[in-house]
Structures are given as structure tokens and as C-alpha cells.
Amino acid sequence: MNNRPGYRCRHGHTSARTRPLGLAKNIYVREDRILGELRCRLPDLAAADGAELADYLWANGLRIVCADSHWSIQSRSAQPLGSNTGNGLKPPAPQSKRL
């Protein structure tokens, strides 16, 4: 994305099959914007680099879920933990890193 690392949310669509009618379009987000937002939403990790943020999300069973105009951090059980339209997010207690 303009010669910068980025991520694509595909909403369950792959290029191997035709996109169903009504399925949301792909969302493209630059890596620096995602990392900045994660640092704001997870203030205990404000100084973390991208790898540390990714490790934290993985170790705590969290994922980033995209919607039309916003995204949220959710547990893998799909319980919303925070979004860019809500108030502050308190991160869960850190767990030991995966090996």
C-alpha cells in the first residue's frame, strides 16, 4: 500500500471463489496505522514494537476484527474487548509467551 507494509481484511472471502453478493469489500490498513491504534488501545504496550504487539495478541487469544468503518480487538471466543468507536480498553493480564 503505497510502498508501505499493510494488512488486508477479506471478511471470509478468498480469491478461489466468487464473492457472495452483499459481502463487505476488502479493507486495506497500513501497518503503521494498525500499530499506532494498538498502542493507543493497549496503553501498557505503548513502547512495544510490532513483533511484541503481535506476540501479545497471540498469547492472550486476541484477534483484530474489521468492519465497514471501524475495527475491534476481540477474543477468539468473539467477545468484544474494545473498538475504535468505544472508550478506553483495558488489556487482559499478560500470559506467558508461546514457545
PDB file of N, CA and C in Angstrom:
ATOM      1  N   MET A   1       0.849  -1.173   0.000  1.00  0.00           N
ATOM      2  CA  MET A   1       0.000   0.000   0.000  1.00  0.00           C
ATOM      3  C   MET A   1       0.892   1.232   0.000  1.00  0.00           C
ATOM      4  N   ASN A   2       1.089   1.775  -1.154  1.00  0.00           N
ATOM      5  CA  ASN A   2       1.954   2.932  -1.322  1.00  0.00           C
ATOM      6  C   ASN A   2       3.350   2.665  -0.780  1.00  0.00           C
ATOM      7  N   ASN A   3       3.897   1.500  -1.106  1.00  0.00           N
ATOM      8  CA  ASN A   3       5.242   1.094  -0.701  1.00  0.00           C
ATOM      9  C   ASN A   3       5.420   0.986   0.806  1.00  0.00           C
ATOM     10  N   ARG A   4       4.357   0.703   1.547  1.00  0.00           N
ATOM     11  CA  ARG A   4       4.424   0.501   2.995  1.00  0.00           C
ATOM     12  C   ARG A   4       3.773  -0.834   3.326  1.00  0.00           C
ATOM     13  N   PRO A   5       4.260  -1.487   4.402  1.00  0.00           N
ATOM     14  CA  PRO A   5       3.613  -2.738   4.812  1.00  0.00           C
ATOM     15  C   PRO A   5       2.167  -2.489   5.203  1.00  0.00           C
ATOM     16  N   GLY A   6       1.302  -3.440   4.909  1.00  0.00           N
ATOM     17  CA  GLY A   6      -0.109  -3.282   5.249  1.00  0.00           C
ATOM     18  C   GLY A   6      -0.795  -4.618   5.397  1.00  0.00           C
ATOM     19  N   TYR A   7      -2.051  -4.557   5.784  1.00  0.00           N
ATOM     20  CA  TYR A   7      -2.846  -5.750   6.025  1.00  0.00           C
ATOM     21  C   TYR A   7      -4.172  -5.636   5.311  1.00  0.00           C
ATOM     22  N   ARG A   8      -4.716  -6.784   4.946  1.00  0.00           N
ATOM     23  CA  ARG A   8      -5.983  -6.821   4.228  1.00  0.00           C
ATOM     24  C   ARG A   8      -6.970  -7.663   5.023  1.00  0.00           C
ATOM     25  N   CYS A   9      -8.135  -7.097   5.292  1.00  0.00           N
ATOM     26  CA  CYS A   9      -9.237  -7.852   5.896  1.00  0.00           C
ATOM     27  C   CYS A   9     -10.140  -8.290   4.754  1.00  0.00           C
ATOM     28  N   ARG A  10     -10.339  -9.596   4.603  1.00  0.00           N
ATOM     29  CA  ARG A  10     -11.097 -10.112   3.465  1.00  0.00           C
ATOM     30  C   ARG A  10     -12.485 -10.593   3.837  1.00  0.00           C
ATOM     31  N   HIS A  11     -12.840 -10.574   5.091  1.00  0.00           N
ATOM     32  CA  HIS A  11     -14.187 -10.947   5.539  1.00  0.00           C
ATOM     33  C   HIS A  11     -14.601 -12.337   5.073  1.00  0.00           C
ATOM     34  N   GLY A  12     -13.692 -13.303   5.187  1.00  0.00           N
ATOM     35  CA  GLY A  12     -14.034 -14.672   4.842  1.00  0.00           C
ATOM     36  C   GLY A  12     -13.974 -15.003   3.366  1.00  0.00           C
ATOM     37  N   HIS A  13     -13.583 -14.074   2.542  1.00  0.00           N
ATOM     38  CA  HIS A  13     -13.535 -14.283   1.092  1.00  0.00           C
ATOM     39  C   HIS A  13     -12.121 -14.683   0.681  1.00  0.00           C
ATOM     40  N   THR A  14     -12.004 -15.603  -0.232  1.00  0.00           N
ATOM     41  CA  THR A  14     -10.719 -15.925  -0.845  1.00  0.00           C
ATOM     42  C   THR A  14     -10.860 -15.745  -2.348  1.00  0.00           C
ATOM     43  N   SER A  15      -9.744 -15.590  -3.017  1.00  0.00           N
ATOM     44  CA  SER A  15      -9.804 -15.387  -4.466  1.00  0.00           C
ATOM     45  C   SER A  15     -10.163 -16.670  -5.206  1.00  0.00           C
ATOM     46  N   ALA A  16     -10.216 -17.798  -4.510  1.00  0.00           N
ATOM     47  CA  ALA A  16     -10.535 -19.075  -5.148  1.00  0.00           C
ATOM     48  C   ALA A  16     -12.027 -19.237  -5.434  1.00  0.00           C
ATOM     49  N   ARG A  17     -12.837 -18.353  -4.910  1.00  0.00           N
ATOM     50  CA  ARG A  17     -14.286 -18.460  -5.160  1.00  0.00           C
ATOM     51  C   ARG A  17     -14.873 -17.071  -5.387  1.00  0.00           C
ATOM     52  N   THR A  18     -16.018 -17.036  -6.011  1.00  0.00           N
ATOM     53  CA  THR A  18     -16.683 -15.775  -6.305  1.00  0.00           C
ATOM     54  C   THR A  18     -17.198 -15.141  -5.020  1.00  0.00           C
ATOM     55  N   ARG A  19     -17.039 -13.838  -4.913  1.00  0.00           N
ATOM     56  CA  ARG A  19     -17.508 -13.111  -3.734  1.00  0.00           C
ATOM     57  C   ARG A  19     -19.032 -13.132  -3.697  1.00  0.00           C
ATOM     58  N   PRO A  20     -19.620 -13.584  -2.576  1.00  0.00           N
ATOM     59  CA  PRO A  20     -21.086 -13.577  -2.455  1.00  0.00           C
ATOM     60  C   PRO A  20     -21.641 -12.153  -2.472  1.00  0.00           C
ATOM     61  N   LEU A  21     -22.834 -11.994  -3.007  1.00  0.00           N
ATOM     62  CA  LEU A  21     -23.476 -10.681  -3.017  1.00  0.00           C
ATOM     63  C   LEU A  21     -23.650 -10.184  -1.596  1.00  0.00           C
ATOM     64  N   GLY A  22     -23.413  -8.905  -1.387  1.00  0.00           N
ATOM     65  CA  GLY A  22     -23.611  -8.301  -0.080  1.00  0.00           C
ATOM     66  C   GLY A  22     -22.445  -8.457   0.876  1.00  0.00           C
ATOM     67  N   LEU A  23     -21.426  -9.228   0.502  1.00  0.00           N
ATOM     68  CA  LEU A  23     -20.264  -9.389   1.370  1.00  0.00           C
ATOM     69  C   LEU A  23     -19.465  -8.091   1.373  1.00  0.00           C
ATOM     70  N   ALA A  24     -18.994  -7.695   2.534  1.00  0.00           N
ATOM     71  CA  ALA A  24     -18.235  -6.447   2.648  1.00  0.00           C
ATOM     72  C   ALA A  24     -17.001  -6.485   1.755  1.00  0.00           C
ATOM     73  N   LYS A  25     -16.613  -5.309   1.249  1.00  0.00           N
ATOM     74  CA  LYS A  25     -15.418  -5.204   0.424  1.00  0.00           C
ATOM     75  C   LYS A  25     -14.183  -5.378   1.297  1.00  0.00           C
ATOM     76  N   ASN A  26     -13.067  -5.709   0.653  1.00  0.00           N
ATOM     77  CA  ASN A  26     -11.809  -5.815   1.376  1.00  0.00           C
ATOM     78  C   ASN A  26     -11.455  -4.475   1.998  1.00  0.00           C
ATOM     79  N   ILE A  27     -10.817  -4.530   3.161  1.00  0.00           N
ATOM     80  CA  ILE A  27     -10.339  -3.328   3.839  1.00  0.00           C
ATOM     81  C   ILE A  27      -8.824  -3.432   3.892  1.00  0.00           C
ATOM     82  N   TYR A  28      -8.137  -2.382   3.468  1.00  0.00           N
ATOM     83  CA  TYR A  28      -6.687  -2.347   3.497  1.00  0.00           C
ATOM     84  C   TYR A  28      -6.254  -1.317   4.523  1.00  0.00           C
ATOM     85  N   VAL A  29      -5.366  -1.717   5.445  1.00  0.00           N
ATOM     86  CA  VAL A  29      -4.905  -0.830   6.511  1.00  0.00           C
ATOM     87  C   VAL A  29      -3.384  -0.891   6.557  1.00  0.00           C
ATOM     88  N   ARG A  30      -2.756   0.297   6.563  1.00  0.00           N
ATOM     89  CA  ARG A  30      -1.304   0.349   6.657  1.00  0.00           C
ATOM     90  C   ARG A  30      -0.843  -0.153   8.021  1.00  0.00           C
ATOM     91  N   GLU A  31       0.270  -0.851   8.028  1.00  0.00           N
ATOM     92  CA  GLU A  31       0.809  -1.414   9.266  1.00  0.00           C
ATOM     93  C   GLU A  31       1.066  -0.341  10.316  1.00  0.00           C
ATOM     94  N   ASP A  32       1.629   0.807   9.932  1.00  0.00           N
ATOM     95  CA  ASP A  32       1.928   1.838  10.925  1.00  0.00           C
ATOM     96  C   ASP A  32       0.661   2.360  11.595  1.00  0.00           C
ATOM     97  N   ARG A  33      -0.441   2.386  10.878  1.00  0.00           N
ATOM     98  CA  ARG A  33      -1.709   2.838  11.480  1.00  0.00           C
ATOM     99  C   ARG A  33      -2.261   1.801  12.452  1.00  0.00           C
ATOM    100  N   ILE A  34      -2.208   0.525  12.077  1.00  0.00           N
ATOM    101  CA  ILE A  34      -2.676  -0.538  12.978  1.00  0.00           C
ATOM    102  C   ILE A  34      -1.837  -0.535  14.252  1.00  0.00           C
ATOM    103  N   LEU A  35      -0.504  -0.465  14.111  1.00  0.00           N
ATOM    104  CA  LEU A  35       0.363  -0.491  15.287  1.00  0.00           C
ATOM    105  C   LEU A  35       0.108   0.714  16.184  1.00  0.00           C
ATOM    106  N   GLY A  36      -0.085   1.893  15.599  1.00  0.00           N
ATOM    107  CA  GLY A  36      -0.390   3.087  16.389  1.00  0.00           C
ATOM    108  C   GLY A  36      -1.689   2.945  17.162  1.00  0.00           C
ATOM    109  N   GLU A  37      -2.710   2.413  16.503  1.00  0.00           N
ATOM    110  CA  GLU A  37      -4.001   2.203  17.173  1.00  0.00           C
ATOM    111  C   GLU A  37      -3.886   1.165  18.281  1.00  0.00           C
ATOM    112  N   LEU A  38      -3.145   0.090  18.031  1.00  0.00           N
ATOM    113  CA  LEU A  38      -2.960  -0.928  19.070  1.00  0.00           C
ATOM    114  C   LEU A  38      -2.269  -0.335  20.292  1.00  0.00           C
ATOM    115  N   ARG A  39      -1.263   0.496  20.067  1.00  0.00           N
ATOM    116  CA  ARG A  39      -0.558   1.119  21.196  1.00  0.00           C
ATOM    117  C   ARG A  39      -1.484   2.038  21.983  1.00  0.00           C
ATOM    118  N   CYS A  40      -2.401   2.717  21.298  1.00  0.00           N
ATOM    119  CA  CYS A  40      -3.373   3.579  21.994  1.00  0.00           C
ATOM    120  C   CYS A  40      -4.370   2.745  22.793  1.00  0.00           C
ATOM    121  N   ARG A  41      -4.816   1.651  22.236  1.00  0.00           N
ATOM    122  CA  ARG A  41      -5.834   0.821  22.891  1.00  0.00           C
ATOM    123  C   ARG A  41      -5.256  -0.077  23.972  1.00  0.00           C
ATOM    124  N   LEU A  42      -3.975  -0.338  23.892  1.00  0.00           N
ATOM    125  CA  LEU A  42      -3.297  -1.177  24.880  1.00  0.00           C
ATOM    126  C   LEU A  42      -2.167  -0.352  25.506  1.00  0.00           C
ATOM    127  N   PRO A  43      -2.512   0.618  26.363  1.00  0.00           N
ATOM    128  CA  PRO A  43      -1.520   1.567  26.875  1.00  0.00           C
ATOM    129  C   PRO A  43      -0.335   0.917  27.592  1.00  0.00           C
ATOM    130  N   ASP A  44      -0.506  -0.258  28.167  1.00  0.00           N
ATOM    131  CA  ASP A  44       0.620  -0.940  28.813  1.00  0.00           C
ATOM    132  C   ASP A  44       1.676  -1.363  27.795  1.00  0.00           C
ATOM    133  N   LEU A  45       1.320  -1.359  26.523  1.00  0.00           N
ATOM    134  CA  LEU A  45       2.243  -1.768  25.465  1.00  0.00           C
ATOM    135  C   LEU A  45       2.619  -0.600  24.558  1.00  0.00           C
ATOM    136  N   ALA A  46       2.543   0.624  25.076  1.00  0.00           N
ATOM    137  CA  ALA A  46       2.774   1.820  24.261  1.00  0.00           C
ATOM    138  C   ALA A  46       4.161   1.845  23.626  1.00  0.00           C
ATOM    139  N   ALA A  47       5.153   1.233  24.263  1.00  0.00           N
ATOM    140  CA  ALA A  47       6.513   1.243  23.727  1.00  0.00           C
ATOM    141  C   ALA A  47       6.850  -0.034  22.953  1.00  0.00           C
ATOM    142  N   ALA A  48       5.890  -0.927  22.795  1.00  0.00           N
ATOM    143  CA  ALA A  48       6.144  -2.216  22.138  1.00  0.00           C
ATOM    144  C   ALA A  48       6.324  -2.051  20.635  1.00  0.00           C
ATOM    145  N   ASP A  49       7.178  -2.899  20.068  1.00  0.00           N
ATOM    146  CA  ASP A  49       7.312  -2.899  18.609  1.00  0.00           C
ATOM    147  C   ASP A  49       6.269  -3.845  18.010  1.00  0.00           C
ATOM    148  N   GLY A  50       6.238  -3.933  16.703  1.00  0.00           N
ATOM    149  CA  GLY A  50       5.224  -4.740  16.028  1.00  0.00           C
ATOM    150  C   GLY A  50       5.242  -6.206  16.433  1.00  0.00           C
ATOM    151  N   ALA A  51       6.435  -6.787  16.563  1.00  0.00           N
ATOM    152  CA  ALA A  51       6.537  -8.200  16.944  1.00  0.00           C
ATOM    153  C   ALA A  51       6.012  -8.420  18.358  1.00  0.00           C
ATOM    154  N   GLU A  52       6.312  -7.503  19.273  1.00  0.00           N
ATOM    155  CA  GLU A  52       5.829  -7.634  20.655  1.00  0.00           C
ATOM    156  C   GLU A  52       4.311  -7.513  20.714  1.00  0.00           C
ATOM    157  N   LEU A  53       3.743  -6.597  19.933  1.00  0.00           N
ATOM    158  CA  LEU A  53       2.285  -6.462  19.893  1.00  0.00           C
ATOM    159  C   LEU A  53       1.645  -7.731  19.329  1.00  0.00           C
ATOM    160  N   ALA A  54       2.213  -8.261  18.269  1.00  0.00           N
ATOM    161  CA  ALA A  54       1.676  -9.494  17.679  1.00  0.00           C
ATOM    162  C   ALA A  54       1.769 -10.651  18.667  1.00  0.00           C
ATOM    163  N   ASP A  55       2.901 -10.764  19.362  1.00  0.00           N
ATOM    164  CA  ASP A  55       3.059 -11.821  20.374  1.00  0.00           C
ATOM    165  C   ASP A  55       2.030 -11.678  21.484  1.00  0.00           C
ATOM    166  N   TYR A  56       1.773 -10.428  21.908  1.00  0.00           N
ATOM    167  CA  TYR A  56       0.798 -10.186  22.975  1.00  0.00           C
ATOM    168  C   TYR A  56      -0.602 -10.619  22.533  1.00  0.00           C
ATOM    169  N   LEU A  57      -0.992 -10.222  21.329  1.00  0.00           N
ATOM    170  CA  LEU A  57      -2.309 -10.609  20.822  1.00  0.00           C
ATOM    171  C   LEU A  57      -2.419 -12.131  20.764  1.00  0.00           C
ATOM    172  N   TRP A  58      -1.400 -12.786  20.235  1.00  0.00           N
ATOM    173  CA  TRP A  58      -1.422 -14.242  20.099  1.00  0.00           C
ATOM    174  C   TRP A  58      -1.476 -14.923  21.464  1.00  0.00           C
ATOM    175  N   ALA A  59      -0.611 -14.495  22.387  1.00  0.00           N
ATOM    176  CA  ALA A  59      -0.521 -15.132  23.703  1.00  0.00           C
ATOM    177  C   ALA A  59      -1.803 -14.974  24.513  1.00  0.00           C
ATOM    178  N   ASN A  60      -2.555 -13.896  24.258  1.00  0.00           N
ATOM    179  CA  ASN A  60      -3.782 -13.630  25.003  1.00  0.00           C
ATOM    180  C   ASN A  60      -5.034 -14.046  24.245  1.00  0.00           C
ATOM    181  N   GLY A  61      -4.856 -14.750  23.127  1.00  0.00           N
ATOM    182  CA  GLY A  61      -6.011 -15.244  22.376  1.00  0.00           C
ATOM    183  C   GLY A  61      -6.839 -14.131  21.769  1.00  0.00           C
ATOM    184  N   LEU A  62      -6.187 -13.061  21.306  1.00  0.00           N
ATOM    185  CA  LEU A  62      -6.888 -11.906  20.742  1.00  0.00           C
ATOM    186  C   LEU A  62      -6.695 -11.852  19.237  1.00  0.00           C
ATOM    187  N   ARG A  63      -7.642 -11.205  18.572  1.00  0.00           N
ATOM    188  CA  ARG A  63      -7.545 -11.004  17.126  1.00  0.00           C
ATOM    189  C   ARG A  63      -8.131  -9.644  16.787  1.00  0.00           C
ATOM    190  N   ILE A  64      -7.757  -9.126  15.634  1.00  0.00           N
ATOM    191  CA  ILE A  64      -8.295  -7.862  15.131  1.00  0.00           C
ATOM    192  C   ILE A  64      -9.403  -8.210  14.151  1.00  0.00           C
ATOM    193  N   VAL A  65     -10.581  -7.620  14.364  1.00  0.00           N
ATOM    194  CA  VAL A  65     -11.739  -7.886  13.515  1.00  0.00           C
ATOM    195  C   VAL A  65     -12.146  -6.577  12.845  1.00  0.00           C
ATOM    196  N   CYS A  66     -12.230  -6.589  11.517  1.00  0.00           N
ATOM    197  CA  CYS A  66     -12.577  -5.392  10.750  1.00  0.00           C
ATOM    198  C   CYS A  66     -14.063  -5.352  10.438  1.00  0.00           C
ATOM    199  N   ALA A  67     -14.607  -4.129  10.406  1.00  0.00           N
ATOM    200  CA  ALA A  67     -15.974  -3.883   9.959  1.00  0.00           C
ATOM    201  C   ALA A  67     -15.898  -2.770   8.917  1.00  0.00           C
ATOM    202  N   ASP A  68     -17.044  -2.280   8.467  1.00  0.00           N
ATOM    203  CA  ASP A  68     -17.044  -1.275   7.398  1.00  0.00           C
ATOM    204  C   ASP A  68     -16.131  -0.091   7.686  1.00  0.00           C
ATOM    205  N   SER A  69     -16.346   0.590   8.802  1.00  0.00           N
ATOM    206  CA  SER A  69     -15.598   1.813   9.070  1.00  0.00           C
ATOM    207  C   SER A  69     -14.839   1.764  10.386  1.00  0.00           C
ATOM    208  N   HIS A  70     -14.751   0.607  11.014  1.00  0.00           N
ATOM    209  CA  HIS A  70     -14.024   0.504  12.274  1.00  0.00           C
ATOM    210  C   HIS A  70     -13.475  -0.907  12.444  1.00  0.00           C
ATOM    211  N   TRP A  71     -12.658  -1.073  13.445  1.00  0.00           N
ATOM    212  CA  TRP A  71     -12.160  -2.397  13.776  1.00  0.00           C
ATOM    213  C   TRP A  71     -12.117  -2.526  15.276  1.00  0.00           C
ATOM    214  N   SER A  72     -12.084  -3.770  15.742  1.00  0.00           N
ATOM    215  CA  SER A  72     -12.073  -4.023  17.179  1.00  0.00           C
ATOM    216  C   SER A  72     -11.091  -5.139  17.495  1.00  0.00           C
ATOM    217  N   ILE A  73     -10.734  -5.211  18.763  1.00  0.00           N
ATOM    218  CA  ILE A  73      -9.920  -6.311  19.259  1.00  0.00           C
ATOM    219  C   ILE A  73     -10.880  -7.250  19.963  1.00  0.00           C
ATOM    220  N   GLN A  74     -10.888  -8.513  19.553  1.00  0.00           N
ATOM    221  CA  GLN A  74     -11.802  -9.480  20.150  1.00  0.00           C
ATOM    222  C   GLN A  74     -11.031 -10.713  20.590  1.00  0.00           C
ATOM    223  N   SER A  75     -11.577 -11.380  21.594  1.00  0.00           N
ATOM    224  CA  SER A  75     -11.000 -12.665  21.973  1.00  0.00           C
ATOM    225  C   SER A  75     -11.378 -13.675  20.899  1.00  0.00           C
ATOM    226  N   ARG A  76     -10.687 -14.770  20.851  1.00  0.00           N
ATOM    227  CA  ARG A  76     -11.015 -15.787  19.851  1.00  0.00           C
ATOM    228  C   ARG A  76     -12.394 -16.370  20.081  1.00  0.00           C
ATOM    229  N   SER A  77     -12.956 -16.147  21.280  1.00  0.00           N
ATOM    230  CA  SER A  77     -14.327 -16.597  21.539  1.00  0.00           C
ATOM    231  C   SER A  77     -15.330 -15.556  21.056  1.00  0.00           C
ATOM    232  N   ALA A  78     -14.842 -14.487  20.384  1.00  0.00           N
ATOM    233  CA  ALA A  78     -15.652 -13.433  19.752  1.00  0.00           C
ATOM    234  C   ALA A  78     -16.315 -12.487  20.738  1.00  0.00           C
ATOM    235  N   GLN A  79     -15.863 -12.419  21.979  1.00  0.00           N
ATOM    236  CA  GLN A  79     -16.389 -11.423  22.915  1.00  0.00           C
ATOM    237  C   GLN A  79     -15.632 -10.125  22.685  1.00  0.00           C
ATOM    238  N   PRO A  80     -16.320  -9.020  22.290  1.00  0.00           N
ATOM    239  CA  PRO A  80     -15.624  -7.764  22.010  1.00  0.00           C
ATOM    240  C   PRO A  80     -14.891  -7.243  23.238  1.00  0.00           C
ATOM    241  N   LEU A  81     -13.635  -6.802  23.027  1.00  0.00           N
ATOM    242  CA  LEU A  81     -12.845  -6.233  24.106  1.00  0.00           C
ATOM    243  C   LEU A  81     -12.669  -4.738  23.943  1.00  0.00           C
ATOM    244  N   GLY A  82     -12.883  -4.207  22.763  1.00  0.00           N
ATOM    245  CA  GLY A  82     -12.730  -2.778  22.541  1.00  0.00           C
ATOM    246  C   GLY A  82     -12.825  -2.473  21.065  1.00  0.00           C
ATOM    247  N   SER A  83     -13.139  -1.236  20.739  1.00  0.00           N
ATOM    248  CA  SER A  83     -13.190  -0.831  19.342  1.00  0.00           C
ATOM    249  C   SER A  83     -12.799   0.622  19.245  1.00  0.00           C
ATOM    250  N   ASN A  84     -12.567   1.096  18.030  1.00  0.00           N
ATOM    251  CA  ASN A  84     -12.171   2.483  17.880  1.00  0.00           C
ATOM    252  C   ASN A  84     -13.347   3.429  18.016  1.00  0.00           C
ATOM    253  N   THR A  85     -14.532   2.926  18.260  1.00  0.00           N
ATOM    254  CA  THR A  85     -15.689   3.781  18.487  1.00  0.00           C
ATOM    255  C   THR A  85     -16.060   3.808  19.959  1.00  0.00           C
ATOM    256  N   GLY A  86     -15.388   3.007  20.764  1.00  0.00           N
ATOM    257  CA  GLY A  86     -15.707   2.943  22.187  1.00  0.00           C
ATOM    258  C   GLY A  86     -14.714   3.719  23.023  1.00  0.00           C
ATOM    259  N   ASN A  87     -14.896   3.669  24.336  1.00  0.00           N
ATOM    260  CA  ASN A  87     -13.967   4.301  25.245  1.00  0.00           C
ATOM    261  C   ASN A  87     -12.787   3.369  25.481  1.00  0.00           C
ATOM    262  N   GLY A  88     -11.900   3.742  26.388  1.00  0.00           N
ATOM    263  CA  GLY A  88     -10.649   3.030  26.600  1.00  0.00           C
ATOM    264  C   GLY A  88     -10.782   1.530  26.765  1.00  0.00           C
ATOM    265  N   LEU A  89      -9.744   0.847  26.436  1.00  0.00           N
ATOM    266  CA  LEU A  89      -9.699  -0.608  26.515  1.00  0.00           C
ATOM    267  C   LEU A  89      -8.643  -0.991  27.522  1.00  0.00           C
ATOM    268  N   LYS A  90      -8.986  -1.818  28.474  1.00  0.00           N
ATOM    269  CA  LYS A  90      -8.010  -2.341  29.417  1.00  0.00           C
ATOM    270  C   LYS A  90      -7.604  -3.724  28.933  1.00  0.00           C
ATOM    271  N   PRO A  91      -6.319  -3.931  28.693  1.00  0.00           N
ATOM    272  CA  PRO A  91      -5.895  -5.233  28.185  1.00  0.00           C
ATOM    273  C   PRO A  91      -6.019  -6.305  29.246  1.00  0.00           C
ATOM    274  N   PRO A  92      -6.207  -7.548  28.816  1.00  0.00           N
ATOM    275  CA  PRO A  92      -6.221  -8.643  29.775  1.00  0.00           C
ATOM    276  C   PRO A  92      -4.829  -8.841  30.360  1.00  0.00           C
ATOM    277  N   ALA A  93      -4.747  -9.510  31.474  1.00  0.00           N
ATOM    278  CA  ALA A  93      -3.455  -9.778  32.102  1.00  0.00           C
ATOM    279  C   ALA A  93      -2.593 -10.600  31.154  1.00  0.00           C
ATOM    280  N   PRO A  94      -1.327 -10.213  30.988  1.00  0.00           N
ATOM    281  CA  PRO A  94      -0.451 -10.954  30.080  1.00  0.00           C
ATOM    282  C   PRO A  94      -0.270 -12.395  30.533  1.00  0.00           C
ATOM    283  N   GLN A  95      -0.158 -13.274  29.561  1.00  0.00           N
ATOM    284  CA  GLN A  95       0.119 -14.676  29.829  1.00  0.00           C
ATOM    285  C   GLN A  95       1.513 -14.977  29.308  1.00  0.00           C
ATOM    286  N   SER A  96       2.054 -16.118  29.659  1.00  0.00           N
ATOM    287  CA  SER A  96       3.385 -16.463  29.181  1.00  0.00           C
ATOM    288  C   SER A  96       3.366 -16.594  27.665  1.00  0.00           C
ATOM    289  N   LYS A  97       4.469 -16.212  27.048  1.00  0.00           N
ATOM    290  CA  LYS A  97       4.567 -16.266  25.589  1.00  0.00           C
ATOM    291  C   LYS A  97       4.621 -17.704  25.113  1.00  0.00           C
ATOM    292  N   ARG A  98       4.163 -17.896  23.863  1.00  0.00           N
ATOM    293  CA  ARG A  98       4.240 -19.222  23.263  1.00  0.00           C
ATOM    294  C   ARG A  98       5.686 -19.521  22.901  1.00  0.00           C
ATOM    295  N   LEU A  99       6.035 -20.768  22.888  1.00  0.00           N
ATOM    296  CA  LEU A  99       7.411 -21.164  22.538  1.00  0.00           C
ATOM    297  C   LEU A  99       7.510 -21.564  21.107  1.00  0.00           C
TER     298      LEU A  99
END
